[in-house]
Amino acid sequence: MFKEYTLKDNSTIIIREGILSDALALNELAMTTFSTAEHVLTTPNEFIPKSTEEAQQLRITEYTIQEGWVLLVAEHDGQLIGNIDFTNGRCVRNQHTGEFGMSVHPDYKNKGVGKHLLAALLDWAKANPLIEKVKLRVFTNNKPAVHLYEKLGFIKEGELHCEVKMETGMYIDLYEMYKMVK
């Protein structure tokens, strides 16, 4: 998969499958996201032990091997600026469904990168004979993300109360959302 998309500022990005040589750039993107985004589960300290190039290459390899998994990256002028990954269920009865996680570099927020990453994932899911249902969990206070998901046809399936506990002691709820692709 390799496709060009135009952002809101008329710049162009490429969305393609992640490859082994993306390992260090993916680690840098993850650290930047975990250090700056307020709506993510993983903290930078939790990610650091997993951030070796070898660990990321193993992760990328697993995404290329598993039939119902995909790792897509967004690239702008040779720099990785976002990614989305999807894993399906491992049992016969739930392999038709799976969940994704997405991150966008803070310098590229609100430019359409997330929308294009998610659209590319949905195209992949529609073409994958196994996948019928795409799911996600999102912080209920992440209004821009919830708006994007609803705009692309995702439906709120439930709400998990006090699911996230921030370092301040504050609890945040999560929405579970889904979209059928078949």
N, C-alpha and C. Protein backbone atom coordinates (compact mmCIF):
# COMPACT_ATOMS: atom_id res chain seq x y z
N MET A 1 0.84 -1.17 0.00
CA MET A 1 0.00 0.00 0.00
C MET A 1 0.89 1.24 0.00
N PHE A 2 0.61 2.12 -0.89
CA PHE A 2 1.36 3.37 -1.03
C PHE A 2 0.42 4.35 -1.70
N LYS A 3 0.08 5.44 -1.00
CA LYS A 3 -0.86 6.38 -1.57
C LYS A 3 -0.52 7.78 -1.09
N GLU A 4 -0.69 8.76 -1.99
CA GLU A 4 -0.47 10.16 -1.64
C GLU A 4 -1.79 10.81 -1.23
N TYR A 5 -1.70 11.70 -0.25
CA TYR A 5 -2.86 12.45 0.23
C TYR A 5 -2.47 13.92 0.36
N THR A 6 -3.44 14.80 0.16
CA THR A 6 -3.21 16.24 0.30
C THR A 6 -3.81 16.71 1.63
N LEU A 7 -3.01 17.44 2.40
CA LEU A 7 -3.44 17.95 3.69
C LEU A 7 -4.18 19.28 3.53
N LYS A 8 -4.72 19.77 4.63
CA LYS A 8 -5.47 21.03 4.62
C LYS A 8 -4.62 22.21 4.14
N ASP A 9 -3.30 22.15 4.39
CA ASP A 9 -2.41 23.25 3.97
C ASP A 9 -1.86 23.03 2.56
N ASN A 10 -2.43 22.07 1.84
CA ASN A 10 -2.06 21.71 0.46
C ASN A 10 -0.70 21.00 0.35
N SER A 11 -0.07 20.66 1.44
CA SER A 11 1.13 19.84 1.37
C SER A 11 0.70 18.39 1.15
N THR A 12 1.63 17.57 0.73
CA THR A 12 1.35 16.19 0.38
C THR A 12 2.04 15.24 1.35
N ILE A 13 1.32 14.19 1.74
CA ILE A 13 1.92 13.13 2.54
C ILE A 13 1.76 11.82 1.80
N ILE A 14 2.58 10.88 2.20
CA ILE A 14 2.49 9.51 1.68
C ILE A 14 2.09 8.62 2.84
N ILE A 15 1.13 7.75 2.61
CA ILE A 15 0.78 6.73 3.59
C ILE A 15 1.13 5.39 2.98
N ARG A 16 1.90 4.63 3.75
CA ARG A 16 2.40 3.33 3.27
C ARG A 16 2.52 2.39 4.47
N GLU A 17 2.76 1.13 4.18
CA GLU A 17 3.00 0.18 5.26
C GLU A 17 4.37 0.44 5.88
N GLY A 18 4.44 0.24 7.19
CA GLY A 18 5.71 0.40 7.89
C GLY A 18 6.70 -0.68 7.48
N ILE A 19 7.98 -0.30 7.42
CA ILE A 19 9.05 -1.24 7.06
C ILE A 19 10.13 -1.19 8.14
N LEU A 20 11.01 -2.17 8.13
CA LEU A 20 12.03 -2.29 9.18
C LEU A 20 12.86 -1.03 9.35
N SER A 21 13.18 -0.36 8.26
CA SER A 21 14.01 0.84 8.37
C SER A 21 13.28 2.01 9.03
N ASP A 22 11.99 1.86 9.31
CA ASP A 22 11.22 2.90 10.02
C ASP A 22 11.38 2.80 11.53
N ALA A 23 12.07 1.79 12.03
CA ALA A 23 12.09 1.51 13.47
C ALA A 23 12.50 2.71 14.32
N LEU A 24 13.63 3.33 14.03
CA LEU A 24 14.08 4.45 14.85
C LEU A 24 13.12 5.64 14.75
N ALA A 25 12.64 5.93 13.56
CA ALA A 25 11.71 7.04 13.37
C ALA A 25 10.40 6.79 14.11
N LEU A 26 9.93 5.54 14.12
CA LEU A 26 8.72 5.21 14.87
C LEU A 26 8.93 5.39 16.37
N ASN A 27 10.12 5.00 16.86
CA ASN A 27 10.43 5.21 18.27
C ASN A 27 10.44 6.70 18.62
N GLU A 28 11.04 7.50 17.76
CA GLU A 28 11.08 8.95 18.01
C GLU A 28 9.68 9.54 17.99
N LEU A 29 8.86 9.13 17.04
CA LEU A 29 7.49 9.61 16.96
C LEU A 29 6.71 9.21 18.21
N ALA A 30 6.88 7.98 18.65
CA ALA A 30 6.19 7.52 19.86
C ALA A 30 6.61 8.34 21.08
N MET A 31 7.90 8.55 21.24
CA MET A 31 8.37 9.34 22.40
C MET A 31 7.83 10.76 22.34
N THR A 32 7.82 11.36 21.17
CA THR A 32 7.28 12.71 21.04
C THR A 32 5.79 12.72 21.39
N THR A 33 5.05 11.76 20.88
CA THR A 33 3.62 11.68 21.15
C THR A 33 3.36 11.45 22.63
N PHE A 34 4.04 10.46 23.21
CA PHE A 34 3.80 10.15 24.62
C PHE A 34 4.22 11.29 25.54
N SER A 35 5.17 12.11 25.09
CA SER A 35 5.66 13.23 25.90
C SER A 35 4.79 14.48 25.78
N THR A 36 4.03 14.60 24.71
CA THR A 36 3.31 15.85 24.46
C THR A 36 1.79 15.71 24.44
N ALA A 37 1.28 14.53 24.14
CA ALA A 37 -0.17 14.36 24.01
C ALA A 37 -0.81 14.08 25.36
N GLU A 38 -1.95 14.69 25.60
CA GLU A 38 -2.63 14.47 26.86
C GLU A 38 -3.64 13.33 26.79
N HIS A 39 -3.94 12.85 25.60
CA HIS A 39 -4.97 11.82 25.43
C HIS A 39 -4.37 10.48 25.01
N VAL A 40 -3.31 10.06 25.66
CA VAL A 40 -2.72 8.75 25.39
C VAL A 40 -2.57 7.99 26.70
N LEU A 41 -2.62 6.68 26.61
CA LEU A 41 -2.46 5.84 27.80
C LEU A 41 -1.00 5.70 28.22
N THR A 42 -0.13 5.49 27.27
CA THR A 42 1.27 5.20 27.56
C THR A 42 2.02 6.45 27.96
N THR A 43 2.77 6.35 29.05
CA THR A 43 3.62 7.46 29.46
C THR A 43 5.01 7.25 28.87
N PRO A 44 5.80 8.32 28.74
CA PRO A 44 7.16 8.15 28.19
C PRO A 44 7.99 7.13 28.98
N ASN A 45 7.87 7.12 30.30
CA ASN A 45 8.65 6.18 31.11
C ASN A 45 8.27 4.73 30.87
N GLU A 46 7.02 4.50 30.50
CA GLU A 46 6.60 3.13 30.17
C GLU A 46 7.13 2.70 28.81
N PHE A 47 7.31 3.65 27.93
CA PHE A 47 7.76 3.32 26.58
C PHE A 47 9.26 3.14 26.47
N ILE A 48 10.03 3.87 27.26
CA ILE A 48 11.50 3.85 27.14
C ILE A 48 12.08 2.45 27.12
N PRO A 49 11.69 1.53 28.02
CA PRO A 49 12.29 0.18 27.96
C PRO A 49 11.99 -0.59 26.67
N LYS A 50 10.93 -0.19 25.97
CA LYS A 50 10.52 -0.88 24.75
C LYS A 50 11.03 -0.18 23.49
N SER A 51 11.83 0.86 23.66
CA SER A 51 12.14 1.74 22.53
C SER A 51 13.45 1.44 21.82
N THR A 52 13.95 0.23 21.93
CA THR A 52 15.16 -0.08 21.18
C THR A 52 14.81 -0.29 19.71
N GLU A 53 15.78 -0.10 18.86
CA GLU A 53 15.56 -0.33 17.44
C GLU A 53 15.16 -1.78 17.18
N GLU A 54 15.82 -2.70 17.87
CA GLU A 54 15.53 -4.12 17.68
C GLU A 54 14.10 -4.46 18.10
N ALA A 55 13.65 -3.90 19.22
CA ALA A 55 12.28 -4.16 19.68
C ALA A 55 11.26 -3.64 18.67
N GLN A 56 11.52 -2.47 18.13
CA GLN A 56 10.60 -1.89 17.15
C GLN A 56 10.63 -2.70 15.85
N GLN A 57 11.79 -3.19 15.45
CA GLN A 57 11.87 -4.02 14.25
C GLN A 57 11.10 -5.32 14.43
N LEU A 58 11.16 -5.91 15.62
CA LEU A 58 10.37 -7.11 15.89
C LEU A 58 8.87 -6.81 15.79
N ARG A 59 8.48 -5.66 16.31
CA ARG A 59 7.08 -5.24 16.24
C ARG A 59 6.66 -5.06 14.78
N ILE A 60 7.46 -4.39 14.00
CA ILE A 60 7.15 -4.17 12.58
C ILE A 60 7.04 -5.52 11.86
N THR A 61 7.96 -6.42 12.15
CA THR A 61 7.92 -7.75 11.53
C THR A 61 6.62 -8.47 11.86
N GLU A 62 6.20 -8.39 13.11
CA GLU A 62 4.95 -9.06 13.49
C GLU A 62 3.76 -8.49 12.72
N TYR A 63 3.75 -7.19 12.49
CA TYR A 63 2.66 -6.59 11.73
C TYR A 63 2.66 -7.05 10.27
N THR A 64 3.81 -7.40 9.73
CA THR A 64 3.84 -7.88 8.34
C THR A 64 3.48 -9.36 8.23
N ILE A 65 3.66 -10.10 9.32
CA ILE A 65 3.40 -11.55 9.29
C ILE A 65 1.94 -11.88 9.55
N GLN A 66 1.33 -11.21 10.52
CA GLN A 66 -0.04 -11.54 10.93
C GLN A 66 -1.04 -11.12 9.85
N GLU A 67 -1.93 -12.01 9.52
CA GLU A 67 -2.87 -11.80 8.43
C GLU A 67 -3.86 -10.65 8.69
N GLY A 68 -4.25 -10.45 9.93
CA GLY A 68 -5.23 -9.42 10.26
C GLY A 68 -4.62 -8.21 10.94
N TRP A 69 -3.33 -7.99 10.74
CA TRP A 69 -2.65 -6.85 11.36
C TRP A 69 -2.06 -5.96 10.27
N VAL A 70 -1.97 -4.67 10.59
CA VAL A 70 -1.31 -3.75 9.67
C VAL A 70 -0.74 -2.57 10.46
N LEU A 71 0.38 -2.09 9.99
CA LEU A 71 1.02 -0.89 10.53
C LEU A 71 1.21 0.06 9.35
N LEU A 72 0.54 1.20 9.39
CA LEU A 72 0.66 2.21 8.35
C LEU A 72 1.36 3.43 8.92
N VAL A 73 2.18 4.06 8.10
CA VAL A 73 2.88 5.28 8.52
C VAL A 73 2.56 6.40 7.54
N ALA A 74 2.56 7.63 8.07
CA ALA A 74 2.40 8.82 7.25
C ALA A 74 3.75 9.51 7.19
N GLU A 75 4.15 9.86 5.98
CA GLU A 75 5.47 10.44 5.75
C GLU A 75 5.32 11.78 5.02
N HIS A 76 6.04 12.79 5.50
CA HIS A 76 6.06 14.10 4.85
C HIS A 76 7.51 14.51 4.64
N ASP A 77 7.88 14.71 3.41
CA ASP A 77 9.27 15.08 3.06
C ASP A 77 10.29 14.15 3.72
N GLY A 78 10.00 12.85 3.69
CA GLY A 78 10.94 11.85 4.21
C GLY A 78 10.90 11.67 5.71
N GLN A 79 10.05 12.41 6.43
CA GLN A 79 9.96 12.30 7.89
C GLN A 79 8.65 11.62 8.27
N LEU A 80 8.70 10.66 9.21
CA LEU A 80 7.47 10.04 9.71
C LEU A 80 6.76 11.02 10.61
N ILE A 81 5.49 11.29 10.30
CA ILE A 81 4.72 12.26 11.07
C ILE A 81 3.49 11.66 11.71
N GLY A 82 3.23 10.38 11.46
CA GLY A 82 2.08 9.72 12.05
C GLY A 82 2.08 8.25 11.76
N ASN A 83 1.31 7.53 12.54
CA ASN A 83 1.14 6.09 12.28
C ASN A 83 -0.19 5.62 12.85
N ILE A 84 -0.63 4.50 12.31
CA ILE A 84 -1.83 3.84 12.79
C ILE A 84 -1.56 2.35 12.71
N ASP A 85 -1.92 1.63 13.78
CA ASP A 85 -1.74 0.19 13.75
C ASP A 85 -3.03 -0.50 14.14
N PHE A 86 -3.24 -1.68 13.58
CA PHE A 86 -4.47 -2.44 13.78
C PHE A 86 -4.11 -3.88 14.05
N THR A 87 -4.74 -4.46 15.06
CA THR A 87 -4.58 -5.89 15.35
C THR A 87 -5.96 -6.50 15.50
N ASN A 88 -6.15 -7.64 14.89
CA ASN A 88 -7.44 -8.32 15.01
C ASN A 88 -7.37 -9.38 16.11
N GLY A 89 -8.53 -9.97 16.39
CA GLY A 89 -8.61 -11.03 17.40
C GLY A 89 -7.83 -12.26 16.96
N ARG A 90 -7.36 -12.97 17.95
CA ARG A 90 -6.51 -14.15 17.65
C ARG A 90 -7.28 -15.46 17.63
N CYS A 91 -8.55 -15.42 17.95
CA CYS A 91 -9.37 -16.63 17.95
C CYS A 91 -10.30 -16.63 16.74
N VAL A 92 -10.74 -17.79 16.33
CA VAL A 92 -11.62 -17.92 15.17
C VAL A 92 -12.86 -17.05 15.35
N ARG A 93 -13.39 -17.00 16.56
CA ARG A 93 -14.65 -16.30 16.80
C ARG A 93 -14.52 -14.78 16.87
N ASN A 94 -13.30 -14.26 17.01
CA ASN A 94 -13.17 -12.80 17.05
C ASN A 94 -12.13 -12.27 16.06
N GLN A 95 -11.68 -13.11 15.14
CA GLN A 95 -10.69 -12.63 14.16
C GLN A 95 -11.29 -11.65 13.17
N HIS A 96 -12.60 -11.54 13.12
CA HIS A 96 -13.27 -10.60 12.20
C HIS A 96 -13.25 -9.17 12.73
N THR A 97 -12.79 -8.98 13.95
CA THR A 97 -12.82 -7.67 14.58
C THR A 97 -11.45 -7.33 15.15
N GLY A 98 -11.17 -6.05 15.25
CA GLY A 98 -9.89 -5.64 15.80
C GLY A 98 -9.91 -4.17 16.17
N GLU A 99 -8.82 -3.75 16.81
CA GLU A 99 -8.73 -2.40 17.35
C GLU A 99 -7.50 -1.69 16.81
N PHE A 100 -7.61 -0.38 16.68
CA PHE A 100 -6.47 0.39 16.20
C PHE A 100 -6.05 1.43 17.22
N GLY A 101 -4.79 1.85 17.06
CA GLY A 101 -4.24 2.98 17.79
C GLY A 101 -3.57 3.89 16.78
N MET A 102 -3.62 5.19 17.04
CA MET A 102 -3.09 6.14 16.06
C MET A 102 -2.36 7.26 16.79
N SER A 103 -1.30 7.76 16.17
CA SER A 103 -0.62 8.94 16.70
C SER A 103 -0.18 9.83 15.55
N VAL A 104 -0.19 11.13 15.83
CA VAL A 104 0.22 12.14 14.85
C VAL A 104 1.18 13.08 15.57
N HIS A 105 2.27 13.40 14.91
CA HIS A 105 3.25 14.33 15.48
C HIS A 105 2.55 15.65 15.80
N PRO A 106 2.87 16.26 16.96
CA PRO A 106 2.18 17.49 17.35
C PRO A 106 2.27 18.62 16.32
N ASP A 107 3.34 18.68 15.54
CA ASP A 107 3.48 19.73 14.52
C ASP A 107 2.50 19.53 13.35
N TYR A 108 1.88 18.37 13.27
CA TYR A 108 0.99 18.06 12.15
C TYR A 108 -0.45 17.82 12.58
N LYS A 109 -0.78 18.15 13.81
CA LYS A 109 -2.16 18.02 14.30
C LYS A 109 -3.05 19.01 13.56
N ASN A 110 -4.30 18.62 13.39
CA ASN A 110 -5.34 19.47 12.78
C ASN A 110 -5.06 19.84 11.33
N LYS A 111 -4.28 19.02 10.65
CA LYS A 111 -4.00 19.26 9.23
C LYS A 111 -4.61 18.18 8.33
N GLY A 112 -5.21 17.15 8.94
CA GLY A 112 -5.83 16.09 8.15
C GLY A 112 -5.04 14.79 8.14
N VAL A 113 -3.92 14.74 8.84
CA VAL A 113 -3.11 13.51 8.85
C VAL A 113 -3.89 12.35 9.45
N GLY A 114 -4.52 12.58 10.61
CA GLY A 114 -5.29 11.52 11.26
C GLY A 114 -6.43 11.02 10.40
N LYS A 115 -7.13 11.94 9.75
CA LYS A 115 -8.24 11.56 8.87
C LYS A 115 -7.74 10.67 7.74
N HIS A 116 -6.61 11.03 7.14
CA HIS A 116 -6.08 10.24 6.04
C HIS A 116 -5.54 8.89 6.50
N LEU A 117 -4.90 8.86 7.66
CA LEU A 117 -4.43 7.58 8.21
C LEU A 117 -5.62 6.65 8.46
N LEU A 118 -6.66 7.18 9.06
CA LEU A 118 -7.83 6.35 9.36
C LEU A 118 -8.53 5.91 8.07
N ALA A 119 -8.63 6.79 7.09
CA ALA A 119 -9.23 6.42 5.81
C ALA A 119 -8.43 5.30 5.14
N ALA A 120 -7.11 5.39 5.21
CA ALA A 120 -6.25 4.34 4.63
C ALA A 120 -6.46 3.02 5.37
N LEU A 121 -6.58 3.09 6.69
CA LEU A 121 -6.83 1.87 7.47
C LEU A 121 -8.18 1.26 7.08
N LEU A 122 -9.20 2.08 6.96
CA LEU A 122 -10.52 1.56 6.60
C LEU A 122 -10.50 0.95 5.20
N ASP A 123 -9.77 1.54 4.27
CA ASP A 123 -9.62 0.94 2.93
C ASP A 123 -8.95 -0.42 3.04
N TRP A 124 -7.89 -0.51 3.85
CA TRP A 124 -7.21 -1.78 4.06
C TRP A 124 -8.17 -2.81 4.66
N ALA A 125 -8.94 -2.39 5.68
CA ALA A 125 -9.86 -3.32 6.35
C ALA A 125 -10.93 -3.83 5.40
N LYS A 126 -11.46 -2.94 4.56
CA LYS A 126 -12.48 -3.35 3.59
C LYS A 126 -11.93 -4.37 2.60
N ALA A 127 -10.66 -4.24 2.26
CA ALA A 127 -10.03 -5.16 1.31
C ALA A 127 -9.56 -6.46 1.96
N ASN A 128 -9.44 -6.47 3.28
CA ASN A 128 -8.97 -7.66 3.99
C ASN A 128 -10.15 -8.60 4.19
N PRO A 129 -10.06 -9.84 3.70
CA PRO A 129 -11.21 -10.75 3.80
C PRO A 129 -11.59 -11.13 5.23
N LEU A 130 -10.68 -10.99 6.19
CA LEU A 130 -10.98 -11.34 7.57
C LEU A 130 -11.74 -10.25 8.32
N ILE A 131 -11.48 -9.01 8.03
CA ILE A 131 -11.91 -7.91 8.89
C ILE A 131 -13.31 -7.42 8.53
N GLU A 132 -14.18 -7.36 9.54
CA GLU A 132 -15.53 -6.86 9.36
C GLU A 132 -15.85 -5.68 10.28
N LYS A 133 -15.17 -5.62 11.44
CA LYS A 133 -15.48 -4.59 12.43
C LYS A 133 -14.18 -3.96 12.92
N VAL A 134 -14.13 -2.63 12.86
CA VAL A 134 -12.96 -1.87 13.31
C VAL A 134 -13.37 -1.12 14.58
N LYS A 135 -12.57 -1.26 15.65
CA LYS A 135 -12.92 -0.69 16.95
C LYS A 135 -11.82 0.24 17.45
N LEU A 136 -12.19 1.05 18.43
CA LEU A 136 -11.22 1.92 19.09
C LEU A 136 -11.74 2.28 20.46
N ARG A 137 -10.83 2.79 21.27
CA ARG A 137 -11.17 3.42 22.55
C ARG A 137 -10.57 4.81 22.52
N VAL A 138 -11.34 5.79 22.99
CA VAL A 138 -10.89 7.18 22.95
C VAL A 138 -11.32 7.88 24.24
N PHE A 139 -10.45 8.75 24.73
CA PHE A 139 -10.79 9.55 25.91
C PHE A 139 -12.05 10.36 25.59
N THR A 140 -13.02 10.35 26.49
CA THR A 140 -14.27 11.08 26.24
C THR A 140 -14.04 12.59 26.14
N ASN A 141 -12.96 13.09 26.73
CA ASN A 141 -12.69 14.52 26.67
C ASN A 141 -11.84 14.91 25.46
N ASN A 142 -11.55 13.96 24.59
CA ASN A 142 -10.80 14.25 23.35
C ASN A 142 -11.81 14.54 22.24
N LYS A 143 -12.41 15.71 22.33
CA LYS A 143 -13.50 16.09 21.42
C LYS A 143 -13.10 16.07 19.94
N PRO A 144 -11.91 16.58 19.57
CA PRO A 144 -11.55 16.52 18.14
C PRO A 144 -11.49 15.08 17.60
N ALA A 145 -10.93 14.16 18.39
CA ALA A 145 -10.84 12.77 17.94
C ALA A 145 -12.23 12.15 17.84
N VAL A 146 -13.07 12.36 18.85
CA VAL A 146 -14.43 11.81 18.81
C VAL A 146 -15.17 12.35 17.59
N HIS A 147 -15.02 13.64 17.31
CA HIS A 147 -15.66 14.24 16.13
C HIS A 147 -15.17 13.58 14.84
N LEU A 148 -13.86 13.37 14.72
CA LEU A 148 -13.31 12.72 13.53
C LEU A 148 -13.89 11.32 13.36
N TYR A 149 -13.91 10.55 14.44
CA TYR A 149 -14.40 9.18 14.33
C TYR A 149 -15.88 9.16 13.94
N GLU A 150 -16.67 10.04 14.53
CA GLU A 150 -18.09 10.08 14.17
C GLU A 150 -18.26 10.53 12.72
N LYS A 151 -17.46 11.48 12.28
CA LYS A 151 -17.52 11.96 10.90
C LYS A 151 -17.23 10.83 9.90
N LEU A 152 -16.35 9.91 10.31
CA LEU A 152 -16.00 8.78 9.43
C LEU A 152 -16.90 7.57 9.64
N GLY A 153 -17.98 7.74 10.40
CA GLY A 153 -18.98 6.68 10.52
C GLY A 153 -18.87 5.77 11.71
N PHE A 154 -18.00 6.08 12.66
CA PHE A 154 -17.89 5.26 13.86
C PHE A 154 -19.05 5.57 14.80
N ILE A 155 -19.50 4.56 15.51
CA ILE A 155 -20.64 4.66 16.41
C ILE A 155 -20.16 4.37 17.83
N LYS A 156 -20.65 5.15 18.79
CA LYS A 156 -20.35 4.88 20.20
C LYS A 156 -21.06 3.61 20.62
N GLU A 157 -20.28 2.69 21.13
CA GLU A 157 -20.82 1.39 21.52
C GLU A 157 -20.98 1.30 23.03
N GLY A 158 -20.18 2.07 23.75
CA GLY A 158 -20.26 2.03 25.20
C GLY A 158 -19.33 3.06 25.80
N GLU A 159 -19.41 3.18 27.13
CA GLU A 159 -18.55 4.11 27.84
C GLU A 159 -17.97 3.38 29.05
N LEU A 160 -16.67 3.47 29.19
CA LEU A 160 -15.98 2.86 30.31
C LEU A 160 -15.67 3.96 31.33
N HIS A 161 -16.30 3.87 32.48
CA HIS A 161 -16.16 4.92 33.48
C HIS A 161 -14.91 4.73 34.33
N CYS A 162 -14.23 5.83 34.62
CA CYS A 162 -13.01 5.84 35.45
C CYS A 162 -11.98 4.85 34.94
N GLU A 163 -11.87 4.72 33.64
CA GLU A 163 -10.98 3.73 33.02
C GLU A 163 -9.52 4.18 33.04
N VAL A 164 -9.29 5.48 33.01
CA VAL A 164 -7.93 6.02 33.01
C VAL A 164 -7.76 6.86 34.27
N LYS A 165 -6.65 6.64 34.96
CA LYS A 165 -6.35 7.46 36.14
C LYS A 165 -5.05 8.21 35.86
N MET A 166 -5.17 9.51 35.78
CA MET A 166 -4.02 10.37 35.49
C MET A 166 -3.14 10.49 36.74
N GLU A 167 -1.91 10.96 36.54
CA GLU A 167 -0.97 11.13 37.64
C GLU A 167 -1.51 12.08 38.71
N THR A 168 -2.39 12.99 38.31
CA THR A 168 -3.00 13.95 39.24
C THR A 168 -4.06 13.31 40.12
N GLY A 169 -4.46 12.08 39.80
CA GLY A 169 -5.52 11.40 40.52
C GLY A 169 -6.88 11.53 39.84
N MET A 170 -6.95 12.36 38.80
CA MET A 170 -8.20 12.55 38.07
C MET A 170 -8.49 11.32 37.20
N TYR A 171 -9.77 10.93 37.19
CA TYR A 171 -10.21 9.82 36.35
C TYR A 171 -10.79 10.36 35.04
N ILE A 172 -10.57 9.60 33.97
CA ILE A 172 -11.12 9.94 32.66
C ILE A 172 -11.85 8.71 32.12
N ASP A 173 -13.00 8.95 31.54
CA ASP A 173 -13.78 7.89 30.92
C ASP A 173 -13.31 7.68 29.48
N LEU A 174 -13.60 6.50 28.96
CA LEU A 174 -13.30 6.19 27.55
C LEU A 174 -14.59 5.81 26.85
N TYR A 175 -14.70 6.24 25.59
CA TYR A 175 -15.74 5.71 24.71
C TYR A 175 -15.17 4.52 23.98
N GLU A 176 -16.00 3.50 23.81
CA GLU A 176 -15.70 2.42 22.88
C GLU A 176 -16.53 2.72 21.63
N MET A 177 -15.86 2.73 20.48
CA MET A 177 -16.53 3.04 19.23
C MET A 177 -16.20 1.97 18.19
N TYR A 178 -17.07 1.83 17.20
CA TYR A 178 -16.83 0.83 16.16
C TYR A 178 -17.40 1.28 14.83
N LYS A 179 -16.93 0.59 13.80
CA LYS A 179 -17.49 0.77 12.45
C LYS A 179 -17.44 -0.58 11.75
N MET A 180 -18.56 -0.97 11.18
CA MET A 180 -18.59 -2.18 10.36
C MET A 180 -18.09 -1.83 8.97
N VAL A 181 -17.19 -2.64 8.43
CA VAL A 181 -16.62 -2.37 7.11
C VAL A 181 -17.10 -3.36 6.05
N LYS A 182 -17.87 -4.36 6.46
CA LYS A 182 -18.44 -5.33 5.51
C LYS A 182 -19.91 -5.50 5.80
